[in-house]
N, C-alpha and C. Protein backbone atom coordinates (compact mmCIF):
# COMPACT_ATOMS: atom_id res chain seq x y z
N MET A 1 -47.02 -32.34 27.17
CA MET A 1 -46.73 -32.66 25.79
C MET A 1 -46.49 -34.17 25.69
N ASP A 2 -46.93 -34.71 24.61
CA ASP A 2 -46.80 -36.15 24.39
C ASP A 2 -45.36 -36.49 24.02
N ILE A 3 -44.88 -37.62 24.50
CA ILE A 3 -43.50 -38.04 24.24
C ILE A 3 -43.29 -38.34 22.76
N ALA A 4 -44.29 -38.91 22.10
CA ALA A 4 -44.17 -39.22 20.67
C ALA A 4 -44.03 -37.94 19.85
N LEU A 5 -44.83 -36.91 20.18
CA LEU A 5 -44.73 -35.64 19.47
C LEU A 5 -43.38 -34.98 19.70
N LEU A 6 -42.90 -35.06 20.91
CA LEU A 6 -41.60 -34.48 21.24
C LEU A 6 -40.49 -35.21 20.49
N SER A 7 -40.61 -36.52 20.40
CA SER A 7 -39.62 -37.31 19.67
C SER A 7 -39.63 -36.97 18.18
N MET A 8 -40.82 -36.82 17.60
CA MET A 8 -40.93 -36.46 16.19
C MET A 8 -40.35 -35.07 15.92
N ALA A 9 -40.64 -34.14 16.79
CA ALA A 9 -40.12 -32.78 16.63
C ALA A 9 -38.59 -32.77 16.72
N MET A 10 -38.07 -33.55 17.65
CA MET A 10 -36.62 -33.62 17.81
C MET A 10 -35.97 -34.27 16.59
N SER A 11 -36.59 -35.30 16.07
CA SER A 11 -36.07 -35.98 14.89
C SER A 11 -36.09 -35.05 13.67
N GLN A 12 -37.16 -34.29 13.53
CA GLN A 12 -37.27 -33.35 12.42
C GLN A 12 -36.20 -32.26 12.54
N GLY A 13 -35.94 -31.79 13.73
CA GLY A 13 -34.90 -30.79 13.95
C GLY A 13 -33.53 -31.32 13.59
N GLN A 14 -33.26 -32.57 13.95
CA GLN A 14 -31.97 -33.18 13.62
C GLN A 14 -31.83 -33.35 12.11
N LEU A 15 -32.92 -33.71 11.43
CA LEU A 15 -32.90 -33.87 9.98
C LEU A 15 -32.62 -32.53 9.30
N GLN A 16 -33.28 -31.47 9.77
CA GLN A 16 -33.05 -30.14 9.19
C GLN A 16 -31.62 -29.69 9.41
N GLN A 17 -31.10 -29.96 10.59
CA GLN A 17 -29.72 -29.57 10.89
C GLN A 17 -28.74 -30.35 10.00
N GLY A 18 -29.00 -31.64 9.82
CA GLY A 18 -28.14 -32.45 8.95
C GLY A 18 -28.17 -31.95 7.51
N ALA A 19 -29.35 -31.59 7.02
CA ALA A 19 -29.45 -31.06 5.66
C ALA A 19 -28.73 -29.73 5.54
N SER A 20 -28.83 -28.89 6.54
CA SER A 20 -28.14 -27.60 6.52
C SER A 20 -26.62 -27.78 6.50
N VAL A 21 -26.13 -28.72 7.28
CA VAL A 21 -24.69 -28.97 7.32
C VAL A 21 -24.21 -29.52 5.97
N ALA A 22 -24.99 -30.42 5.37
CA ALA A 22 -24.61 -30.97 4.07
C ALA A 22 -24.57 -29.88 3.00
N LEU A 23 -25.55 -28.98 3.03
CA LEU A 23 -25.58 -27.89 2.06
C LEU A 23 -24.41 -26.94 2.27
N MET A 24 -24.06 -26.67 3.52
CA MET A 24 -22.94 -25.79 3.82
C MET A 24 -21.63 -26.41 3.36
N LYS A 25 -21.46 -27.72 3.56
CA LYS A 25 -20.24 -28.40 3.10
C LYS A 25 -20.12 -28.32 1.58
N LYS A 26 -21.25 -28.50 0.89
CA LYS A 26 -21.22 -28.44 -0.57
C LYS A 26 -20.86 -27.03 -1.05
N SER A 27 -21.43 -26.01 -0.42
CA SER A 27 -21.11 -24.64 -0.84
C SER A 27 -19.66 -24.29 -0.51
N MET A 28 -19.13 -24.82 0.58
CA MET A 28 -17.72 -24.58 0.90
C MET A 28 -16.81 -25.26 -0.12
N GLY A 29 -17.20 -26.43 -0.60
CA GLY A 29 -16.45 -27.11 -1.65
C GLY A 29 -16.45 -26.29 -2.94
N ASN A 30 -17.60 -25.71 -3.27
CA ASN A 30 -17.68 -24.86 -4.45
C ASN A 30 -16.80 -23.63 -4.30
N MET A 31 -16.77 -23.05 -3.12
CA MET A 31 -15.92 -21.88 -2.88
C MET A 31 -14.45 -22.25 -3.02
N ASP A 32 -14.08 -23.43 -2.55
CA ASP A 32 -12.69 -23.88 -2.70
C ASP A 32 -12.32 -24.02 -4.17
N GLN A 33 -13.23 -24.58 -4.96
CA GLN A 33 -12.96 -24.73 -6.39
C GLN A 33 -12.83 -23.37 -7.07
N GLN A 34 -13.68 -22.43 -6.68
CA GLN A 34 -13.60 -21.09 -7.27
C GLN A 34 -12.30 -20.40 -6.88
N ALA A 35 -11.87 -20.59 -5.64
CA ALA A 35 -10.62 -19.98 -5.19
C ALA A 35 -9.44 -20.57 -5.95
N GLU A 36 -9.44 -21.87 -6.18
CA GLU A 36 -8.37 -22.50 -6.95
C GLU A 36 -8.35 -21.98 -8.39
N GLY A 37 -9.52 -21.83 -8.98
CA GLY A 37 -9.60 -21.29 -10.33
C GLY A 37 -9.10 -19.86 -10.40
N LEU A 38 -9.43 -19.06 -9.41
CA LEU A 38 -8.97 -17.68 -9.37
C LEU A 38 -7.46 -17.61 -9.20
N GLN A 39 -6.91 -18.46 -8.35
CA GLN A 39 -5.46 -18.49 -8.18
C GLN A 39 -4.76 -18.89 -9.47
N LYS A 40 -5.33 -19.87 -10.17
CA LYS A 40 -4.75 -20.31 -11.44
C LYS A 40 -4.81 -19.18 -12.46
N LEU A 41 -5.93 -18.46 -12.49
CA LEU A 41 -6.08 -17.35 -13.42
C LEU A 41 -5.09 -16.23 -13.12
N LEU A 42 -4.93 -15.91 -11.85
CA LEU A 42 -3.99 -14.85 -11.47
C LEU A 42 -2.55 -15.24 -11.75
N SER A 43 -2.22 -16.49 -11.55
CA SER A 43 -0.84 -16.92 -11.79
C SER A 43 -0.52 -17.01 -13.28
N SER A 44 -1.53 -17.17 -14.12
CA SER A 44 -1.28 -17.29 -15.56
C SER A 44 -1.27 -15.94 -16.27
N SER A 45 -1.58 -14.86 -15.57
CA SER A 45 -1.58 -13.55 -16.23
C SER A 45 -0.15 -13.14 -16.54
N SER A 46 0.04 -12.62 -17.73
CA SER A 46 1.39 -12.28 -18.17
C SER A 46 1.77 -10.86 -17.76
N ALA A 47 3.05 -10.57 -17.81
CA ALA A 47 3.55 -9.25 -17.43
C ALA A 47 3.09 -8.19 -18.42
N THR A 48 2.95 -8.56 -19.70
CA THR A 48 2.51 -7.57 -20.69
C THR A 48 1.07 -7.15 -20.45
N ALA A 49 0.25 -8.07 -20.01
CA ALA A 49 -1.13 -7.72 -19.70
C ALA A 49 -1.19 -6.77 -18.51
N ILE A 50 -0.33 -6.97 -17.54
CA ILE A 50 -0.29 -6.09 -16.38
C ILE A 50 0.22 -4.71 -16.79
N GLN A 51 1.22 -4.67 -17.67
CA GLN A 51 1.73 -3.39 -18.15
C GLN A 51 0.67 -2.66 -18.98
N GLN A 52 -0.08 -3.40 -19.78
CA GLN A 52 -1.14 -2.79 -20.59
C GLN A 52 -2.22 -2.21 -19.69
N ALA A 53 -2.52 -2.86 -18.60
CA ALA A 53 -3.52 -2.35 -17.67
C ALA A 53 -3.01 -1.09 -16.98
N ALA A 54 -1.72 -1.03 -16.71
CA ALA A 54 -1.15 0.13 -16.03
C ALA A 54 -1.05 1.33 -16.97
N GLN A 55 -0.77 1.08 -18.26
CA GLN A 55 -0.64 2.16 -19.25
C GLN A 55 -1.49 1.82 -20.47
N PRO A 56 -2.80 2.02 -20.40
CA PRO A 56 -3.68 1.59 -21.49
C PRO A 56 -3.54 2.41 -22.77
N HIS A 57 -2.94 3.60 -22.69
CA HIS A 57 -2.82 4.44 -23.88
C HIS A 57 -1.65 4.03 -24.77
N LEU A 58 -0.75 3.20 -24.30
CA LEU A 58 0.40 2.78 -25.09
C LEU A 58 0.09 1.50 -25.87
N GLY A 59 0.48 1.48 -27.15
CA GLY A 59 0.36 0.27 -27.95
C GLY A 59 -1.02 -0.02 -28.48
N GLY A 60 -1.89 0.95 -28.45
CA GLY A 60 -3.25 0.71 -28.92
C GLY A 60 -3.43 0.87 -30.41
N SER A 61 -2.52 1.60 -31.07
CA SER A 61 -2.65 1.82 -32.51
C SER A 61 -1.28 1.84 -33.17
N ILE A 62 -1.29 1.58 -34.48
CA ILE A 62 -0.05 1.56 -35.27
C ILE A 62 -0.23 2.52 -36.43
N ASP A 63 0.74 3.42 -36.64
CA ASP A 63 0.72 4.35 -37.77
C ASP A 63 1.37 3.68 -38.98
N ILE A 64 0.64 3.61 -40.08
CA ILE A 64 1.15 2.98 -41.30
C ILE A 64 0.97 3.96 -42.46
N LYS A 65 2.04 4.16 -43.27
CA LYS A 65 1.96 5.00 -44.47
C LYS A 65 2.14 4.11 -45.69
N LEU A 66 1.31 4.31 -46.66
CA LEU A 66 1.41 3.56 -47.91
C LEU A 66 1.88 4.44 -49.03
């Protein structure tokens, strides 16, 4: 095998690996942002919403007489 071809193949492999690592870092950053958003959403949920989820049949309607 020619040394120039081997060098080109090796360089191309390193480039592909570098691109894969960069893409993985970016996707990990996106996952971190999503996790932070989910934590913020979970911490902002109120106790009444949790109670409504536990007992959905309570408080759904109001009886009014005119």
